PDB file of N, CA and C in Angstrom:
ATOM      1  N   MET A   1      77.573  -6.710  56.560  1.00  0.00           N
ATOM      2  CA  MET A   1      77.284  -5.834  57.706  1.00  0.00           C
ATOM      3  C   MET A   1      77.661  -6.535  59.004  1.00  0.00           C
ATOM      4  N   VAL A   2      77.423  -7.815  59.101  1.00  0.00           N
ATOM      5  CA  VAL A   2      77.781  -8.560  60.306  1.00  0.00           C
ATOM      6  C   VAL A   2      79.262  -8.549  60.514  1.00  0.00           C
ATOM      7  N   TYR A   3      80.024  -8.701  59.422  1.00  0.00           N
ATOM      8  CA  TYR A   3      81.482  -8.679  59.514  1.00  0.00           C
ATOM      9  C   TYR A   3      81.994  -7.347  60.047  1.00  0.00           C
ATOM     10  N   VAL A   4      81.415  -6.267  59.616  1.00  0.00           N
ATOM     11  CA  VAL A   4      81.813  -4.918  60.099  1.00  0.00           C
ATOM     12  C   VAL A   4      81.546  -4.792  61.584  1.00  0.00           C
ATOM     13  N   VAL A   5      80.440  -5.290  62.086  1.00  0.00           N
ATOM     14  CA  VAL A   5      80.132  -5.253  63.504  1.00  0.00           C
ATOM     15  C   VAL A   5      81.145  -6.072  64.290  1.00  0.00           C
ATOM     16  N   VAL A   6      81.489  -7.251  63.796  1.00  0.00           N
ATOM     17  CA  VAL A   6      82.465  -8.123  64.457  1.00  0.00           C
ATOM     18  C   VAL A   6      83.828  -7.419  64.503  1.00  0.00           C
ATOM     19  N   VAL A   7      84.234  -6.762  63.462  1.00  0.00           N
ATOM     20  CA  VAL A   7      85.537  -6.101  63.448  1.00  0.00           C
ATOM     21  C   VAL A   7      85.529  -4.869  64.367  1.00  0.00           C
ATOM     22  N   VAL A   8      84.462  -4.126  64.399  1.00  0.00           N
ATOM     23  CA  VAL A   8      84.404  -2.979  65.304  1.00  0.00           C
ATOM     24  C   VAL A   8      84.410  -3.404  66.743  1.00  0.00           C
ATOM     25  N   VAL A   9      83.659  -4.448  67.097  1.00  0.00           N
ATOM     26  CA  VAL A   9      83.670  -4.964  68.490  1.00  0.00           C
ATOM     27  C   VAL A   9      85.097  -5.461  68.804  1.00  0.00           C
ATOM     28  N   ASN A  10      85.718  -6.152  67.897  1.00  0.00           N
ATOM     29  CA  ASN A  10      87.079  -6.604  68.078  1.00  0.00           C
ATOM     30  C   ASN A  10      88.020  -5.414  68.421  1.00  0.00           C
ATOM     31  N   TYR A  11      87.944  -4.358  67.638  1.00  0.00           N
ATOM     32  CA  TYR A  11      88.825  -3.220  67.804  1.00  0.00           C
ATOM     33  C   TYR A  11      88.577  -2.563  69.172  1.00  0.00           C
ATOM     34  N   VAL A  12      87.332  -2.296  69.493  1.00  0.00           N
ATOM     35  CA  VAL A  12      86.995  -1.559  70.722  1.00  0.00           C
ATOM     36  C   VAL A  12      87.269  -2.428  71.942  1.00  0.00           C
ATOM     37  N   VAL A  13      86.825  -3.637  71.934  1.00  0.00           N
ATOM     38  CA  VAL A  13      86.954  -4.490  73.161  1.00  0.00           C
ATOM     39  C   VAL A  13      88.338  -5.010  73.352  1.00  0.00           C
ATOM     40  N   TRP A  14      88.916  -5.615  72.343  1.00  0.00           N
ATOM     41  CA  TRP A  14      90.187  -6.328  72.534  1.00  0.00           C
ATOM     42  C   TRP A  14      91.421  -5.420  72.300  1.00  0.00           C
ATOM     43  N   ILE A  15      91.401  -4.658  71.233  1.00  0.00           N
ATOM     44  CA  ILE A  15      92.597  -3.856  70.917  1.00  0.00           C
ATOM     45  C   ILE A  15      92.702  -2.678  71.869  1.00  0.00           C
ATOM     46  N   LEU A  16      91.575  -1.931  72.017  1.00  0.00           N
ATOM     47  CA  LEU A  16      91.637  -0.760  72.921  1.00  0.00           C
ATOM     48  C   LEU A  16      91.407  -1.122  74.395  1.00  0.00           C
ATOM     49  N   GLY A  17      90.430  -1.963  74.631  1.00  0.00           N
ATOM     50  CA  GLY A  17      89.966  -2.205  76.012  1.00  0.00           C
ATOM     51  C   GLY A  17      90.793  -3.169  76.821  1.00  0.00           C
ATOM     52  N   ALA A  18      91.049  -4.339  76.275  1.00  0.00           N
ATOM     53  CA  ALA A  18      91.672  -5.387  77.053  1.00  0.00           C
ATOM     54  C   ALA A  18      93.112  -5.063  77.365  1.00  0.00           C
ATOM     55  N   GLY A  19      93.877  -4.627  76.407  1.00  0.00           N
ATOM     56  CA  GLY A  19      95.284  -4.283  76.693  1.00  0.00           C
ATOM     57  C   GLY A  19      95.414  -3.153  77.687  1.00  0.00           C
ATOM     58  N   ALA A  20      94.647  -2.102  77.495  1.00  0.00           N
ATOM     59  CA  ALA A  20      94.701  -1.006  78.457  1.00  0.00           C
ATOM     60  C   ALA A  20      94.170  -1.394  79.809  1.00  0.00           C
ATOM     61  N   GLY A  21      93.104  -2.186  79.819  1.00  0.00           N
ATOM     62  CA  GLY A  21      92.504  -2.606  81.100  1.00  0.00           C
ATOM     63  C   GLY A  21      93.438  -3.477  81.911  1.00  0.00           C
ATOM     64  N   LEU A  22      94.089  -4.405  81.223  1.00  0.00           N
ATOM     65  CA  LEU A  22      95.046  -5.271  81.929  1.00  0.00           C
ATOM     66  C   LEU A  22      96.262  -4.485  82.431  1.00  0.00           C
ATOM     67  N   SER A  23      96.693  -3.515  81.644  1.00  0.00           N
ATOM     68  CA  SER A  23      97.804  -2.653  82.080  1.00  0.00           C
ATOM     69  C   SER A  23      97.358  -1.815  83.311  1.00  0.00           C
ATOM     70  N   ALA A  24      96.142  -1.350  83.307  1.00  0.00           N
ATOM     71  CA  ALA A  24      95.625  -0.580  84.458  1.00  0.00           C
ATOM     72  C   ALA A  24      95.516  -1.407  85.685  1.00  0.00           C
ATOM     73  N   LEU A  25      95.328  -2.711  85.517  1.00  0.00           N
ATOM     74  CA  LEU A  25      95.244  -3.619  86.658  1.00  0.00           C
ATOM     75  C   LEU A  25      96.625  -3.922  87.246  1.00  0.00           C
ATOM     76  N   GLY A  26      97.672  -3.500  86.590  1.00  0.00           N
ATOM     77  CA  GLY A  26      99.012  -3.660  87.095  1.00  0.00           C
ATOM     78  C   GLY A  26      99.845  -4.722  86.395  1.00  0.00           C
ATOM     79  N   ILE A  27      99.250  -5.339  85.352  1.00  0.00           N
ATOM     80  CA  ILE A  27     100.012  -6.343  84.573  1.00  0.00           C
ATOM     81  C   ILE A  27     100.986  -5.606  83.685  1.00  0.00           C
ATOM     82  N   GLU A  28     102.201  -6.100  83.549  1.00  0.00           N
ATOM     83  CA  GLU A  28     103.213  -5.473  82.704  1.00  0.00           C
ATOM     84  C   GLU A  28     102.686  -5.338  81.270  1.00  0.00           C
ATOM     85  N   TYR A  29     102.986  -4.234  80.627  1.00  0.00           N
ATOM     86  CA  TYR A  29     102.346  -3.843  79.360  1.00  0.00           C
ATOM     87  C   TYR A  29     102.527  -4.959  78.281  1.00  0.00           C
ATOM     88  N   HIS A  30     103.726  -5.460  78.138  1.00  0.00           N
ATOM     89  CA  HIS A  30     103.928  -6.433  77.104  1.00  0.00           C
ATOM     90  C   HIS A  30     103.164  -7.714  77.344  1.00  0.00           C
ATOM     91  N   LEU A  31     103.102  -8.157  78.562  1.00  0.00           N
ATOM     92  CA  LEU A  31     102.320  -9.342  78.909  1.00  0.00           C
ATOM     93  C   LEU A  31     100.821  -9.086  78.691  1.00  0.00           C
ATOM     94  N   ALA A  32     100.371  -7.872  79.041  1.00  0.00           N
ATOM     95  CA  ALA A  32      98.952  -7.513  78.826  1.00  0.00           C
ATOM     96  C   ALA A  32      98.642  -7.549  77.356  1.00  0.00           C
ATOM     97  N   ARG A  33      99.499  -7.079  76.495  1.00  0.00           N
ATOM     98  CA  ARG A  33      99.268  -7.122  75.039  1.00  0.00           C
ATOM     99  C   ARG A  33      99.254  -8.531  74.503  1.00  0.00           C
ATOM    100  N   ILE A  34     100.097  -9.400  75.036  1.00  0.00           N
ATOM    101  CA  ILE A  34     100.107 -10.795  74.626  1.00  0.00           C
ATOM    102  C   ILE A  34      98.790 -11.476  75.027  1.00  0.00           C
ATOM    103  N   ILE A  35      98.330 -11.282  76.230  1.00  0.00           N
ATOM    104  CA  ILE A  35      97.072 -11.845  76.695  1.00  0.00           C
ATOM    105  C   ILE A  35      95.903 -11.286  75.887  1.00  0.00           C
ATOM    106  N   ALA A  36      95.874 -10.009  75.656  1.00  0.00           N
ATOM    107  CA  ALA A  36      94.811  -9.389  74.843  1.00  0.00           C
ATOM    108  C   ALA A  36      94.847  -9.925  73.411  1.00  0.00           C
ATOM    109  N   GLY A  37      96.049 -10.114  72.890  1.00  0.00           N
ATOM    110  CA  GLY A  37      96.176 -10.678  71.526  1.00  0.00           C
ATOM    111  C   GLY A  37      95.672 -12.111  71.419  1.00  0.00           C
ATOM    112  N   ALA A  38      95.933 -12.883  72.425  1.00  0.00           N
ATOM    113  CA  ALA A  38      95.443 -14.272  72.465  1.00  0.00           C
ATOM    114  C   ALA A  38      93.885 -14.268  72.538  1.00  0.00           C
ATOM    115  N   CYS A  39      93.333 -13.424  73.375  1.00  0.00           N
ATOM    116  CA  CYS A  39      91.900 -13.345  73.518  1.00  0.00           C
ATOM    117  C   CYS A  39      91.254 -12.802  72.225  1.00  0.00           C
ATOM    118  N   GLU A  40      91.936 -11.887  71.572  1.00  0.00           N
ATOM    119  CA  GLU A  40      91.460 -11.371  70.293  1.00  0.00           C
ATOM    120  C   GLU A  40      91.454 -12.474  69.232  1.00  0.00           C
ATOM    121  N   GLY A  41      92.478 -13.268  69.190  1.00  0.00           N
ATOM    122  CA  GLY A  41      92.498 -14.375  68.249  1.00  0.00           C
ATOM    123  C   GLY A  41      91.381 -15.370  68.441  1.00  0.00           C
ATOM    124  N   ILE A  42      91.123 -15.732  69.742  1.00  0.00           N
ATOM    125  CA  ILE A  42      90.033 -16.667  70.035  1.00  0.00           C
ATOM    126  C   ILE A  42      88.703 -16.053  69.669  1.00  0.00           C
ATOM    127  N   TYR A  43      88.489 -14.773  70.004  1.00  0.00           N
ATOM    128  CA  TYR A  43      87.253 -14.085  69.655  1.00  0.00           C
ATOM    129  C   TYR A  43      87.051 -14.039  68.168  1.00  0.00           C
ATOM    130  N   MET A  44      88.070 -13.675  67.392  1.00  0.00           N
ATOM    131  CA  MET A  44      87.909 -13.558  65.960  1.00  0.00           C
ATOM    132  C   MET A  44      87.629 -14.922  65.334  1.00  0.00           C
ATOM    133  N   TYR A  45      88.283 -15.940  65.794  1.00  0.00           N
ATOM    134  CA  TYR A  45      88.029 -17.289  65.294  1.00  0.00           C
ATOM    135  C   TYR A  45      86.557 -17.671  65.487  1.00  0.00           C
ATOM    136  N   CYS A  46      86.116 -17.518  66.753  1.00  0.00           N
ATOM    137  CA  CYS A  46      84.752 -17.909  67.105  1.00  0.00           C
ATOM    138  C   CYS A  46      83.714 -17.046  66.355  1.00  0.00           C
ATOM    139  N   ALA A  47      83.927 -15.738  66.297  1.00  0.00           N
ATOM    140  CA  ALA A  47      82.978 -14.879  65.659  1.00  0.00           C
ATOM    141  C   ALA A  47      82.903 -15.134  64.173  1.00  0.00           C
ATOM    142  N   LEU A  48      84.024 -15.328  63.501  1.00  0.00           N
ATOM    143  CA  LEU A  48      84.038 -15.593  62.081  1.00  0.00           C
ATOM    144  C   LEU A  48      83.497 -16.960  61.793  1.00  0.00           C
ATOM    145  N   ARG A  49      83.782 -17.945  62.607  1.00  0.00           N
ATOM    146  CA  ARG A  49      83.368 -19.322  62.392  1.00  0.00           C
ATOM    147  C   ARG A  49      81.868 -19.512  62.578  1.00  0.00           C
ATOM    148  N   TRP A  50      81.353 -18.962  63.692  1.00  0.00           N
ATOM    149  CA  TRP A  50      79.959 -19.236  64.061  1.00  0.00           C
ATOM    150  C   TRP A  50      78.962 -18.090  63.832  1.00  0.00           C
ATOM    151  N   ILE A  51      79.459 -16.917  63.482  1.00  0.00           N
ATOM    152  CA  ILE A  51      78.556 -15.786  63.247  1.00  0.00           C
ATOM    153  C   ILE A  51      78.603 -15.352  61.798  1.00  0.00           C
ATOM    154  N   VAL A  52      79.800 -14.975  61.339  1.00  0.00           N
ATOM    155  CA  VAL A  52      79.933 -14.400  60.014  1.00  0.00           C
ATOM    156  C   VAL A  52      79.791 -15.426  58.897  1.00  0.00           C
ATOM    157  N   PHE A  53      80.517 -16.552  59.011  1.00  0.00           N
ATOM    158  CA  PHE A  53      80.514 -17.555  57.941  1.00  0.00           C
ATOM    159  C   PHE A  53      79.755 -18.846  58.382  1.00  0.00           C
ATOM    160  N   ARG A  54      78.688 -18.678  59.113  1.00  0.00           N
ATOM    161  CA  ARG A  54      77.905 -19.843  59.539  1.00  0.00           C
ATOM    162  C   ARG A  54      77.217 -20.466  58.377  1.00  0.00           C
ATOM    163  N   LYS A  55      76.939 -21.720  58.465  1.00  0.00           N
ATOM    164  CA  LYS A  55      76.214 -22.407  57.405  1.00  0.00           C
ATOM    165  C   LYS A  55      74.740 -22.177  57.641  1.00  0.00           C
ATOM    166  N   ASN A  56      74.076 -21.796  56.569  1.00  0.00           N
ATOM    167  CA  ASN A  56      72.604 -21.480  56.671  1.00  0.00           C
ATOM    168  C   ASN A  56      71.807 -22.680  56.401  1.00  0.00           C
TER     169      ASN A  56
END
């Protein structure tokens, strides 16, 4: 269940939100997607490492 929440947050915040938000701020679309993709990668690493697959 925790994994599903992490993936849903990833989709809403980074895939839909960050790319569109950066584009709306005037950043060129391709650069905005690259920045959003980098942030998504960092988020997924941290969420999977320290939330989903944490050592109990």
